[in-house]
Amino acid sequence: MSTAIIGAGVMGETLLSGLVRAGRRVDELLIGEKRAERARELEERYGVAVVSNRDAAAKAETLALVVKPQDMAEVLEEIAPSLRAGQLLVSLAAGITTSFIESRVPDGVAVVRVMPNTPALVDEGMAAISPGSHCDESHLAEAESLLGSVGRVLRIPERQQDAVTAISGSGPAYIFFVVESMIEAGVHLGLPRTTASDLVIQTLFGSAKMLRETGTHPTVLREQVTSPGGTTASALRELEVHRVRAAFLAAMEAARDRSRQLAEGS
């Protein structure tokens, strides 16, 4: 089964490289890319065939649409004449619903909506997938295989995609914001920036590994670090005073609401 990736930006190349590392044969992969210089770069780097979007749609059984949300309608208009019933479209465009895509392609084309995130760049992505009206188990399994090459995959109802966008889709930015803030605090406390960076990044990495490998609830892990009347308790009291929990909730609600607006605008 041949697979085409339409859109060879950062995420498109990330998916391509992940598939190659996962053992997909290069002669079963196609890239739809209009920029000649970018096409040559991908051909040289991966040995993959770069074709027009229409040719990709005509030849591949599965197409991953890794395009900007505002470009989706134009891309669908371009490839629709080459599509046929039974093909699978896997959309990685934020806010684009399966119904939006289904209304612009031939009847019987299966659509899976995906919300990925940027840690896919290091094979630690978190992707949530939702089936459209023509999907069966084989379509979902193929979408899982694609996204599983660059991280973990969850199946969810499409109505939950806006919440997923707010949590894992935008989530890396929240984490980077916290890391940035902790590093700046370290500098303010008198540490060299490189030292503060090393301390914060390794603390983040180790904490995430503890959460994944122990399966222990984060509240329990937090309490293990927090001695009564100690330094951590003093720090956490300040976070509560400044309503950090409420701020995270408000931020994620704002992200969810914006995702809904994008979907409605699509």
Protein backbone atom coordinates (compact mmCIF):
# COMPACT_ATOMS: atom_id res chain seq x y z
CA MET A 1 0.00 0.00 0.00
CA SER A 2 1.59 3.27 -1.14
CA THR A 3 1.46 6.38 1.02
CA ALA A 4 1.76 10.00 -0.06
CA ILE A 5 2.53 12.98 2.14
CA ILE A 6 1.16 16.23 0.77
CA GLY A 7 3.00 19.14 2.34
CA ALA A 8 6.72 18.86 3.00
CA GLY A 9 7.16 21.39 5.78
CA VAL A 10 8.64 20.53 9.16
CA MET A 11 5.83 18.18 10.21
CA GLY A 12 5.61 16.61 6.76
CA GLU A 13 9.30 15.79 6.75
CA THR A 14 9.05 14.60 10.35
CA LEU A 15 6.39 12.09 9.32
CA LEU A 16 8.42 11.04 6.28
CA SER A 17 11.60 10.44 8.28
CA GLY A 18 9.67 8.56 10.95
CA LEU A 19 8.13 6.23 8.37
CA VAL A 20 11.54 5.55 6.82
CA ARG A 21 13.04 4.75 10.24
CA ALA A 22 10.06 2.53 11.01
CA GLY A 23 10.85 0.42 7.97
CA ARG A 24 8.53 1.76 5.28
CA ARG A 25 10.02 1.13 1.85
CA VAL A 26 11.00 4.35 0.13
CA ASP A 27 9.57 3.11 -3.18
CA GLU A 28 6.15 2.96 -1.47
CA LEU A 29 6.32 6.58 -0.35
CA LEU A 30 5.50 9.71 -2.35
CA ILE A 31 5.79 13.38 -1.50
CA GLY A 32 3.58 16.08 -2.93
CA GLU A 33 5.65 19.28 -3.02
CA LYS A 34 5.52 22.21 -5.46
CA ARG A 35 8.76 23.98 -4.51
CA ALA A 36 11.49 22.66 -6.82
CA GLU A 37 14.37 23.33 -4.42
CA ARG A 38 12.58 21.62 -1.55
CA ALA A 39 11.72 18.68 -3.80
CA ARG A 40 15.37 18.18 -4.75
CA GLU A 41 16.37 18.38 -1.09
CA LEU A 42 13.93 15.61 -0.10
CA GLU A 43 14.88 13.42 -3.05
CA GLU A 44 18.56 13.66 -2.13
CA ARG A 45 18.01 13.15 1.60
CA TYR A 46 15.55 10.25 1.52
CA GLY A 47 15.57 8.89 -2.02
CA VAL A 48 11.81 9.42 -2.15
CA ALA A 49 9.88 10.34 -5.29
CA VAL A 50 8.50 13.89 -5.28
CA VAL A 51 5.45 14.40 -7.50
CA SER A 52 2.60 16.84 -7.99
CA ASN A 53 -0.26 16.78 -5.51
CA ARG A 54 -2.60 15.40 -8.18
CA ASP A 55 -0.20 12.61 -9.09
CA ALA A 56 0.18 11.76 -5.42
CA ALA A 57 -3.61 11.57 -5.07
CA ALA A 58 -3.93 9.39 -8.15
CA LYS A 59 -1.20 6.90 -7.19
CA ALA A 60 -1.39 6.51 -3.41
CA GLU A 61 -3.87 4.52 -1.34
CA THR A 62 -3.24 6.71 1.71
CA LEU A 63 -2.63 10.46 1.68
CA ALA A 64 -1.41 12.39 4.72
CA LEU A 65 -2.49 16.01 4.34
CA VAL A 66 0.12 17.98 6.26
CA VAL A 67 -0.92 21.46 5.17
CA LYS A 68 -1.92 24.67 6.91
CA PRO A 69 -5.61 24.88 7.82
CA GLN A 70 -6.09 27.93 5.60
CA ASP A 71 -4.68 25.99 2.63
CA MET A 72 -6.82 22.88 3.05
CA ALA A 73 -9.74 23.96 0.84
CA GLU A 74 -7.39 24.81 -2.04
CA VAL A 75 -5.50 21.52 -1.73
CA LEU A 76 -8.72 19.50 -1.63
CA GLU A 77 -10.02 21.29 -4.72
CA GLU A 78 -6.76 20.42 -6.49
CA ILE A 79 -6.68 16.72 -5.62
CA ALA A 80 -10.41 15.87 -5.54
CA PRO A 81 -10.62 14.96 -9.26
CA SER A 82 -7.87 12.35 -8.71
CA LEU A 83 -9.40 10.76 -5.61
CA ARG A 84 -11.56 7.64 -5.55
CA ALA A 85 -13.69 5.72 -3.09
CA GLY A 86 -11.72 3.56 -0.68
CA GLN A 87 -8.73 5.87 -0.39
CA LEU A 88 -7.74 7.20 3.02
CA LEU A 89 -7.08 10.87 3.77
CA VAL A 90 -5.29 11.53 7.06
CA SER A 91 -5.56 15.23 7.93
CA LEU A 92 -3.06 16.84 10.31
CA ALA A 93 -4.54 20.33 9.88
CA ALA A 94 -5.70 21.89 13.15
CA GLY A 95 -9.38 22.76 13.34
CA ILE A 96 -10.35 21.09 10.05
CA THR A 97 -13.24 18.70 10.62
CA THR A 98 -13.79 15.40 8.86
CA SER A 99 -17.11 16.71 7.52
CA PHE A 100 -15.32 19.69 5.95
CA ILE A 101 -13.04 17.32 4.04
CA GLU A 102 -15.73 14.76 3.20
CA SER A 103 -17.90 17.46 1.63
CA ARG A 104 -15.09 18.28 -0.82
CA VAL A 105 -13.98 14.82 -1.93
CA PRO A 106 -15.74 11.94 -3.73
CA ASP A 107 -18.18 9.85 -1.74
CA GLY A 108 -16.58 6.85 -0.11
CA VAL A 109 -13.19 8.46 0.56
CA ALA A 110 -12.27 7.71 4.18
CA VAL A 111 -11.06 10.59 6.37
CA VAL A 112 -9.20 10.49 9.67
CA ARG A 113 -8.59 13.69 11.62
CA VAL A 114 -5.36 13.95 13.60
CA MET A 115 -4.09 16.35 16.23
CA PRO A 116 -0.31 15.81 16.44
CA ASN A 117 2.25 17.77 18.43
CA THR A 118 5.81 18.91 17.88
CA PRO A 119 7.64 16.29 20.03
CA ALA A 120 7.06 14.08 16.99
CA LEU A 121 10.28 15.73 15.81
CA VAL A 122 12.13 13.51 18.30
CA ASP A 123 9.82 10.48 17.95
CA GLU A 124 7.98 11.34 21.17
CA GLY A 125 4.84 12.82 19.68
CA MET A 126 1.31 12.47 21.05
CA ALA A 127 -1.33 12.16 18.34
CA ALA A 128 -5.09 11.84 18.77
CA ILE A 129 -7.03 10.42 15.83
CA SER A 130 -10.75 10.51 15.04
CA PRO A 131 -12.60 8.66 12.27
CA GLY A 132 -14.87 10.22 9.69
CA SER A 133 -18.12 8.70 8.45
CA HIS A 134 -16.53 6.30 5.93
CA CYS A 135 -13.74 4.91 8.14
CA ASP A 136 -13.43 1.27 9.07
CA GLU A 137 -10.97 -0.52 11.34
CA SER A 138 -8.37 -0.90 8.59
CA HIS A 139 -8.36 2.86 7.96
CA LEU A 140 -7.88 3.63 11.64
CA ALA A 141 -5.14 1.01 11.89
CA GLU A 142 -3.31 2.59 8.96
CA ALA A 143 -3.57 6.06 10.53
CA GLU A 144 -2.23 4.62 13.79
CA SER A 145 0.67 3.08 11.90
CA LEU A 146 1.53 6.39 10.24
CA LEU A 147 1.49 8.45 13.42
CA GLY A 148 2.92 5.64 15.52
CA SER A 149 6.19 6.02 13.61
CA VAL A 150 6.80 9.30 15.46
CA GLY A 151 5.23 8.71 18.87
CA ARG A 152 2.11 7.49 20.65
CA VAL A 153 -1.44 7.45 19.27
CA LEU A 154 -4.86 7.57 20.92
CA ARG A 155 -8.28 7.09 19.33
CA ILE A 156 -10.87 9.63 20.45
CA PRO A 157 -14.33 10.82 19.33
CA GLU A 158 -14.04 13.86 17.08
CA ARG A 159 -16.05 15.97 19.54
CA GLN A 160 -13.03 15.78 21.88
CA GLN A 161 -10.53 17.12 19.36
CA ASP A 162 -10.81 20.73 20.53
CA ALA A 163 -9.92 19.68 24.08
CA VAL A 164 -7.03 17.58 22.79
CA THR A 165 -5.78 20.58 20.83
CA ALA A 166 -5.74 22.56 24.08
CA ILE A 167 -3.93 19.83 26.03
CA SER A 168 -1.39 18.01 23.86
CA GLY A 169 -1.54 20.03 20.65
CA SER A 170 -0.64 23.32 22.33
CA GLY A 171 0.84 21.63 25.40
CA PRO A 172 4.51 21.73 24.37
CA ALA A 173 4.32 25.53 24.34
CA TYR A 174 3.07 25.56 27.93
CA ILE A 175 5.93 23.30 28.99
CA PHE A 176 8.50 25.42 27.17
CA PHE A 177 7.01 28.52 28.81
CA VAL A 178 7.40 26.97 32.27
CA VAL A 179 10.97 25.87 31.47
CA GLU A 180 11.82 29.34 30.20
CA SER A 181 10.38 30.88 33.38
CA MET A 182 12.33 28.51 35.65
CA ILE A 183 15.58 29.24 33.82
CA GLU A 184 15.02 32.98 34.15
CA ALA A 185 14.31 32.49 37.85
CA GLY A 186 17.57 30.57 38.19
CA VAL A 187 19.46 33.45 36.60
CA HIS A 188 17.69 35.87 38.93
CA LEU A 189 18.80 33.72 41.88
CA GLY A 190 22.43 34.05 40.80
CA LEU A 191 23.07 30.98 38.64
CA PRO A 192 24.83 31.14 35.26
CA ARG A 193 22.29 30.68 32.46
CA THR A 194 23.90 27.45 31.23
CA THR A 195 23.79 25.99 34.74
CA ALA A 196 20.17 27.00 35.20
CA SER A 197 19.29 25.50 31.81
CA ASP A 198 20.98 22.18 32.63
CA LEU A 199 19.25 21.98 36.00
CA VAL A 200 15.77 22.76 34.66
CA ILE A 201 15.90 20.60 31.54
CA GLN A 202 17.19 17.51 33.35
CA THR A 203 14.65 18.03 36.13
CA LEU A 204 11.88 18.16 33.53
CA PHE A 205 13.17 15.08 31.72
CA GLY A 206 13.58 13.07 34.92
CA SER A 207 10.16 14.08 36.23
CA ALA A 208 8.46 13.09 32.98
CA LYS A 209 10.25 9.74 33.03
CA MET A 210 9.11 9.13 36.61
CA LEU A 211 5.51 9.83 35.63
CA ARG A 212 5.62 7.46 32.67
CA GLU A 213 7.64 4.60 34.19
CA THR A 214 6.17 4.50 37.69
CA GLY A 215 2.53 5.12 36.74
CA THR A 216 2.21 6.97 40.03
CA HIS A 217 -0.35 9.77 40.26
CA PRO A 218 1.32 13.21 39.99
CA THR A 219 -0.22 14.28 43.28
CA VAL A 220 1.58 11.42 45.06
CA LEU A 221 4.88 12.28 43.37
CA ARG A 222 4.47 15.94 44.29
CA GLU A 223 3.77 15.07 47.91
CA GLN A 224 6.91 12.92 48.02
CA VAL A 225 8.97 16.02 47.26
CA THR A 226 7.04 18.31 49.61
CA SER A 227 8.21 18.10 53.23
CA PRO A 228 6.01 19.89 55.78
CA GLY A 229 7.33 23.39 56.33
CA GLY A 230 10.11 22.87 53.81
CA THR A 231 11.38 24.76 50.77
CA THR A 232 9.07 23.04 48.28
CA ALA A 233 6.02 23.72 50.46
CA SER A 234 6.96 27.41 50.54
CA ALA A 235 7.31 27.49 46.75
CA LEU A 236 4.02 25.67 46.14
CA ARG A 237 2.22 28.06 48.49
CA GLU A 238 3.31 30.95 46.25
CA LEU A 239 2.07 29.13 43.15
CA GLU A 240 -1.31 28.67 44.83
CA VAL A 241 -1.41 32.32 45.94
CA HIS A 242 -0.83 33.36 42.34
CA ARG A 243 -3.54 30.96 41.15
CA VAL A 244 -1.34 29.01 38.77
CA ARG A 245 -3.85 26.15 38.58
CA ALA A 246 -6.62 28.56 37.62
CA ALA A 247 -4.34 30.20 35.07
CA PHE A 248 -3.63 26.85 33.39
CA LEU A 249 -7.35 26.07 33.26
CA ALA A 250 -8.13 29.47 31.75
CA ALA A 251 -5.32 29.09 29.21
CA MET A 252 -6.52 25.67 28.07
CA GLU A 253 -10.12 26.85 27.87
CA ALA A 254 -8.93 29.70 25.64
CA ALA A 255 -7.06 27.26 23.41
CA ARG A 256 -10.12 24.99 23.20
CA ASP A 257 -12.36 27.93 22.32
CA ARG A 258 -9.96 29.10 19.61
CA SER A 259 -9.89 25.58 18.16
CA ARG A 260 -13.69 25.67 17.97
CA GLN A 261 -13.56 29.04 16.23
CA LEU A 262 -11.10 27.70 13.66
CA ALA A 263 -13.33 24.71 13.02
CA GLU A 264 -16.37 26.92 12.55
CA GLY A 265 -14.39 29.21 10.27
CA SER A 266 -13.23 26.28 8.16
